[in-house]
C-alpha cells in the first residue's frame, strides 16, 4: 500500500509547528530582570521578526507605545501584563523620564520586560534614551530591531526608497520635536539641495510649514509627494499629490492617524510598483518614469 495522503494544509501546519519549535529552542534567553527594546514594525503583524514574536510570548510585562497596532497587540498572550506608554506629538503623554523609571522598576522586580515600540526602537523611537537609562541603572537589555515605517510603509505603498533613475540618497526626517513643534535644528536649505528623496515622520501637524520651507529652500512646488496613512494596515490610504498641494490633500485623510510624507521623484514609481493596488485591479505601468521614451527621443 502506498503512503496515506495528507492535505497540503496539513503538511504546511505540521512543518510550521516543527519550525516554530526549533526556532524557539534556538531563540535568545530572555532573562528575568532584563528589558528587551522590541520594534513592532509599522503595523502589519506579519512584518514582526521572529525574535520580536518570541519576546512577546516570553515577557512578563509589555510596555507599549500608542503607535503599536491593535493587530500586533492581539499577538500578546492572555495573562501578560500590559502598560501603555503612548507618546503622541502635541498631546498629553507620559514623560520620557517616567517611562524609563517604569522600565527600571519592573526589571528590578525580576520581571522580563518588553518595551514594545512602533517601527524600530532606534529610528525616531527614543529607544537609545531608554537603553542609556537602563545602563545607568545597571539593567541588562537587548535590542530587537523592527521594520521602520519609512521602509515598510513606502514598500506597501509601492514606493521604493531608492532607484538608480531617481536618487542615490534618501533622508529620514522627524516632523516634530518633543514638545510638538517643528524641529528647529533641521537645515531645510541643505536638505532641499542634497537629498532628492525625503521621508518625513510625524510631520502631519506641520505639513503646511514643511512644504513652505522646502519650496522656499528651492524645491519645486510641482515635486511629487505621497501621503501614506495607516501604513501597512488593511485601511492604508495613499494620496499622490505635489509639494504645493500636499497641505490641502492631507485634509482628505482620516483625522488622528499617523501619516508619512514622501517627497521626491521616487513617488512617480508608484504608478508601476503599487502591488497592493494591482491586487484590486490597478493597471501598472512598466515604465512609470518614461525612461525608454526619453532615451529614444535623445
Protein backbone atom coordinates (compact mmCIF):
# COMPACT_ATOMS: atom_id res chain seq x y z
CA UNK A 1 0.00 0.00 0.00
CA UNK A 2 1.14 3.49 -0.68
CA UNK A 3 1.58 6.19 1.88
CA UNK A 4 -1.53 7.80 3.28
CA UNK A 5 -2.19 11.09 1.54
CA UNK A 6 -2.15 14.27 3.54
CA UNK A 7 -3.59 17.61 2.56
CA UNK A 8 -1.22 20.43 1.67
CA UNK A 9 -2.77 22.39 4.53
CA UNK A 10 -1.89 19.62 6.99
CA UNK A 11 1.66 19.43 5.71
CA UNK A 12 2.07 23.16 5.98
CA UNK A 13 0.70 23.29 9.53
CA UNK A 14 2.90 20.41 10.65
CA UNK A 15 6.02 21.87 9.10
CA UNK A 16 5.32 25.29 10.57
CA UNK A 17 4.78 23.83 14.03
CA UNK A 18 8.05 21.93 13.74
CA UNK A 19 9.93 25.00 12.57
CA UNK A 20 8.43 27.13 15.35
CA UNK A 21 9.58 24.63 17.97
CA UNK A 22 13.07 24.54 16.51
CA UNK A 23 13.32 28.33 16.32
CA UNK A 24 12.08 28.69 19.89
CA UNK A 25 14.77 26.32 21.12
CA UNK A 26 17.44 28.47 19.44
CA UNK A 27 16.00 31.85 20.45
CA UNK A 28 17.99 34.05 22.84
CA UNK A 29 17.26 33.59 26.53
CA UNK A 30 15.01 36.28 27.96
CA UNK A 31 16.40 36.51 31.49
CA UNK A 32 14.29 37.73 34.44
CA UNK A 33 15.17 41.27 35.42
CA UNK A 34 16.10 42.32 31.89
CA UNK A 35 14.46 44.60 29.31
CA UNK A 36 14.12 43.99 25.60
CA UNK A 37 13.55 47.01 23.37
CA UNK A 38 11.45 45.49 20.61
CA UNK A 39 10.46 47.00 17.27
CA UNK A 40 6.84 46.24 16.43
CA UNK A 41 7.17 47.32 12.80
CA UNK A 42 4.80 49.70 11.02
CA UNK A 43 1.59 47.83 11.81
CA UNK A 44 1.08 44.64 9.82
CA UNK A 45 1.76 41.81 12.34
CA UNK A 46 3.25 39.70 9.56
CA UNK A 47 6.20 42.08 9.49
CA UNK A 48 7.30 41.25 13.04
CA UNK A 49 10.64 39.46 13.33
CA UNK A 50 10.86 36.01 14.90
CA UNK A 51 12.82 37.49 17.81
CA UNK A 52 10.04 40.03 18.37
CA UNK A 53 7.37 37.33 18.42
CA UNK A 54 9.48 35.26 20.80
CA UNK A 55 9.81 38.27 23.11
CA UNK A 56 6.04 38.84 23.18
CA UNK A 57 5.47 35.24 24.27
CA UNK A 58 8.22 35.19 26.89
CA UNK A 59 7.59 38.57 28.54
CA UNK A 60 6.03 39.03 31.96
CA UNK A 61 5.01 42.60 31.17
CA UNK A 62 4.85 44.65 27.97
CA UNK A 63 5.18 48.43 27.98
CA UNK A 64 3.87 49.58 24.62
CA UNK A 65 3.55 52.73 22.53
CA UNK A 66 0.42 54.31 21.08
CA UNK A 67 1.68 53.58 17.55
CA UNK A 68 1.77 49.81 18.08
CA UNK A 69 -1.13 48.45 16.05
CA UNK A 70 -4.01 46.54 17.60
CA UNK A 71 -3.15 43.68 15.25
CA UNK A 72 0.29 43.36 16.86
CA UNK A 73 -1.13 43.74 20.37
CA UNK A 74 -3.51 40.86 19.61
CA UNK A 75 -0.46 38.55 19.48
CA UNK A 76 0.31 39.13 23.17
CA UNK A 77 -0.73 36.06 25.19
CA UNK A 78 -3.61 36.40 27.62
CA UNK A 79 -2.39 36.98 31.14
CA UNK A 80 0.64 39.02 30.13
CA UNK A 81 0.58 42.37 31.92
CA UNK A 82 0.34 45.43 29.70
CA UNK A 83 1.33 49.02 30.41
CA UNK A 84 0.56 51.72 27.87
CA UNK A 85 3.24 54.38 27.47
CA UNK A 86 1.99 56.11 24.37
CA UNK A 87 3.64 59.35 23.30
CA UNK A 88 1.91 61.39 20.61
CA UNK A 89 3.28 64.73 19.47
CA UNK A 90 1.39 67.74 20.79
CA UNK A 91 -0.90 65.69 23.04
CA UNK A 92 -0.80 64.84 26.75
CA UNK A 93 1.66 61.95 27.04
CA UNK A 94 3.77 60.21 29.68
CA UNK A 95 7.08 61.93 30.23
CA UNK A 96 10.08 60.13 28.83
CA UNK A 97 11.74 60.06 32.25
CA UNK A 98 8.66 58.39 33.76
CA UNK A 99 8.70 55.68 31.09
CA UNK A 100 12.36 54.93 31.74
CA UNK A 101 11.76 54.82 35.51
CA UNK A 102 8.87 52.38 34.95
CA UNK A 103 11.09 50.05 32.91
CA UNK A 104 13.72 50.08 35.64
CA UNK A 105 11.17 49.44 38.39
CA UNK A 106 9.68 46.46 36.57
CA UNK A 107 13.09 44.98 35.82
CA UNK A 108 14.14 45.39 39.46
CA UNK A 109 11.08 43.34 40.40
CA UNK A 110 12.64 40.45 38.48
CA UNK A 111 10.26 40.69 35.55
CA UNK A 112 11.08 40.08 31.91
CA UNK A 113 10.11 43.40 30.37
CA UNK A 114 9.38 44.13 26.72
CA UNK A 115 9.42 47.76 25.69
CA UNK A 116 7.34 47.49 22.51
CA UNK A 117 7.82 50.38 20.14
CA UNK A 118 6.24 51.13 16.77
CA UNK A 119 8.62 50.72 13.85
CA UNK A 120 12.22 50.37 15.03
CA UNK A 121 13.36 51.28 18.57
CA UNK A 122 16.29 53.37 17.34
CA UNK A 123 14.57 55.25 14.48
CA UNK A 124 12.79 58.28 15.99
CA UNK A 125 11.69 55.97 18.79
CA UNK A 126 13.74 57.22 21.75
CA UNK A 127 14.96 53.69 22.25
CA UNK A 128 18.53 54.88 22.71
CA UNK A 129 17.45 57.20 25.53
CA UNK A 130 15.69 54.35 27.31
CA UNK A 131 18.61 52.00 26.78
CA UNK A 132 21.03 54.52 28.29
CA UNK A 133 18.73 54.89 31.31
CA UNK A 134 18.87 51.10 31.72
CA UNK A 135 22.66 51.18 31.50
CA UNK A 136 22.79 53.83 34.22
CA UNK A 137 20.59 51.64 36.42
CA UNK A 138 22.63 48.50 35.78
CA UNK A 139 19.77 46.75 33.95
CA UNK A 140 20.63 44.24 31.21
CA UNK A 141 18.92 44.95 27.90
CA UNK A 142 18.65 43.69 24.34
CA UNK A 143 17.53 45.47 21.18
CA UNK A 144 15.26 43.65 18.73
CA UNK A 145 15.21 45.69 15.50
CA UNK A 146 11.90 46.34 13.79
CA UNK A 147 10.96 47.35 10.26
CA UNK A 148 10.78 51.13 10.32
CA UNK A 149 7.74 52.78 8.72
CA UNK A 150 9.98 54.73 6.36
CA UNK A 151 10.90 51.45 4.70
CA UNK A 152 7.94 49.12 5.21
CA UNK A 153 5.33 51.84 4.79
CA UNK A 154 6.79 53.00 1.49
CA UNK A 155 7.06 49.48 0.12
CA UNK A 156 3.41 48.76 0.97
CA UNK A 157 2.58 51.96 -0.89
CA UNK A 158 4.59 50.82 -3.91
CA UNK A 159 7.32 53.45 -3.48
CA UNK A 160 10.98 52.37 -3.44
CA UNK A 161 13.38 54.24 -1.20
CA UNK A 162 15.98 54.26 -3.96
CA UNK A 163 16.08 53.75 -7.71
CA UNK A 164 19.04 54.45 -9.96
CA UNK A 165 16.96 56.68 -12.22
CA UNK A 166 15.70 58.87 -9.37
CA UNK A 167 18.05 59.08 -6.38
CA UNK A 168 21.26 57.87 -4.83
CA UNK A 169 20.41 59.26 -1.41
CA UNK A 170 17.40 59.37 0.91
CA UNK A 171 16.87 61.30 4.13
CA UNK A 172 14.64 60.44 7.08
CA UNK A 173 13.34 63.48 8.99
CA UNK A 174 11.25 63.84 12.13
CA UNK A 175 8.37 66.26 11.72
CA UNK A 176 8.15 67.40 15.33
CA UNK A 177 10.21 67.85 18.46
CA UNK A 178 9.47 66.55 21.96
CA UNK A 179 7.19 69.49 22.65
CA UNK A 180 5.29 69.04 19.40
CA UNK A 181 6.85 71.92 17.46
CA UNK A 182 8.61 71.74 14.11
CA UNK A 183 12.28 70.80 14.61
CA UNK A 184 14.41 73.93 14.58
CA UNK A 185 17.66 72.06 14.00
CA UNK A 186 16.70 70.79 10.54
CA UNK A 187 18.62 72.53 7.77
CA UNK A 188 15.88 72.74 5.15
CA UNK A 189 18.16 74.53 2.70
CA UNK A 190 20.71 71.71 2.81
CA UNK A 191 18.03 69.02 2.56
CA UNK A 192 16.46 70.70 -0.42
CA UNK A 193 19.78 70.79 -2.27
CA UNK A 194 21.37 67.50 -1.21
CA UNK A 195 18.63 64.92 -0.79
CA UNK A 196 16.43 64.07 -3.78
CA UNK A 197 14.18 61.86 -1.63
CA UNK A 198 12.75 62.87 1.75
CA UNK A 199 10.73 60.70 4.13
CA UNK A 200 9.15 62.73 6.91
CA UNK A 201 7.86 61.00 10.03
CA UNK A 202 5.26 62.60 12.31
CA UNK A 203 5.01 65.67 10.12
CA UNK A 204 1.27 65.80 9.56
CA UNK A 205 0.64 68.56 12.09
CA UNK A 206 3.19 70.84 10.42
CA UNK A 207 2.71 69.82 6.80
CA UNK A 208 1.89 73.37 5.63
CA UNK A 209 5.05 74.82 7.15
CA UNK A 210 7.19 71.90 6.00
CA UNK A 211 6.04 72.35 2.41
CA UNK A 212 6.58 76.11 2.60
CA UNK A 213 10.10 75.72 3.96
CA UNK A 214 11.08 73.19 1.30
CA UNK A 215 9.73 75.40 -1.51
CA UNK A 216 11.47 78.43 -0.03
CA UNK A 217 14.67 76.37 0.06
CA UNK A 218 14.45 75.64 -3.65
CA UNK A 219 12.25 72.57 -4.11
CA UNK A 220 9.72 72.92 -6.89
CA UNK A 221 6.08 73.20 -5.91
CA UNK A 222 5.41 70.55 -8.57
CA UNK A 223 7.67 67.98 -6.87
CA UNK A 224 5.81 64.69 -6.37
CA UNK A 225 4.56 63.94 -2.85
CA UNK A 226 2.87 60.89 -1.36
CA UNK A 227 0.92 60.91 1.89
CA UNK A 228 0.69 57.45 3.45
CA UNK A 229 -1.84 56.98 6.26
CA UNK A 230 -2.03 53.84 8.42
CA UNK A 231 0.91 52.33 6.56
CA UNK A 232 0.81 48.53 6.02
CA UNK A 233 -2.59 48.15 7.72
CA UNK A 234 -5.78 47.00 5.98
CA UNK A 235 -7.09 50.58 5.96
CA UNK A 236 -3.91 52.05 4.49
CA UNK A 237 -4.54 55.10 2.30
CA UNK A 238 -2.13 56.73 -0.12
CA UNK A 239 -2.63 60.13 -1.74
CA UNK A 240 -0.35 61.20 -4.58
CA UNK A 241 -0.07 64.96 -4.84
CA UNK A 242 2.55 67.71 -5.15
CA UNK A 243 4.53 69.77 -2.68
CA UNK A 244 2.43 72.89 -3.25
CA UNK A 245 -0.85 70.96 -2.87
CA UNK A 246 0.02 68.45 -0.14
CA UNK A 247 -1.35 70.50 2.77
CA UNK A 248 -4.78 70.61 1.11
CA UNK A 249 -4.58 66.91 0.18
CA UNK A 250 -3.79 65.98 3.80
CA UNK A 251 -7.27 67.13 4.82
CA UNK A 252 -8.77 64.22 2.86
CA UNK A 253 -7.18 61.69 5.21
CA UNK A 254 -8.87 60.47 8.41
CA UNK A 255 -8.02 62.62 11.44
CA UNK A 256 -5.80 61.42 14.27
CA UNK A 257 -3.96 58.76 12.23
CA UNK A 258 -0.19 58.63 11.56
CA UNK A 259 0.88 59.88 8.14
CA UNK A 260 4.21 59.52 6.36
CA UNK A 261 5.14 62.31 3.97
CA UNK A 262 7.30 61.28 1.00
CA UNK A 263 8.84 63.93 -1.23
CA UNK A 264 10.69 63.26 -4.45
CA UNK A 265 10.71 61.63 -7.84
CA UNK A 266 10.52 58.17 -6.23
CA UNK A 267 6.78 58.83 -5.76
CA UNK A 268 6.29 58.61 -9.53
CA UNK A 269 7.44 54.99 -9.46
CA UNK A 270 4.25 54.09 -7.62
CA UNK A 271 2.48 54.03 -10.99
CA UNK A 272 4.47 50.87 -11.76
CA UNK A 273 5.02 49.39 -8.30
CA UNK A 274 1.70 49.73 -6.46
CA UNK A 275 1.41 45.98 -5.92
CA UNK A 276 -1.46 46.33 -3.44
CA UNK A 277 -3.36 48.44 -5.93
CA UNK A 278 -2.71 45.82 -8.60
CA UNK A 279 -4.38 43.21 -6.41
CA UNK A 280 -7.51 45.38 -6.56
CA UNK A 281 -7.32 45.85 -10.32
CA UNK A 282 -4.99 48.80 -10.86
CA UNK A 283 -3.12 48.57 -14.16
CA UNK A 284 0.58 49.10 -13.52
CA UNK A 285 2.98 50.81 -15.91
CA UNK A 286 6.20 49.04 -16.87
CA UNK A 287 7.98 52.36 -17.44
CA UNK A 288 6.48 54.87 -15.00
CA UNK A 289 9.36 57.33 -15.45
CA UNK A 290 9.16 57.25 -19.28
CA UNK A 291 12.84 56.29 -19.39
CA UNK A 292 12.51 54.35 -22.63
CA UNK A 293 10.68 57.14 -24.47
CA UNK A 294 13.11 59.78 -23.25
CA UNK A 295 16.13 57.70 -24.26
CA UNK A 296 14.67 57.15 -27.73
CA UNK A 297 13.94 60.87 -28.06
CA UNK A 298 17.51 61.68 -27.01
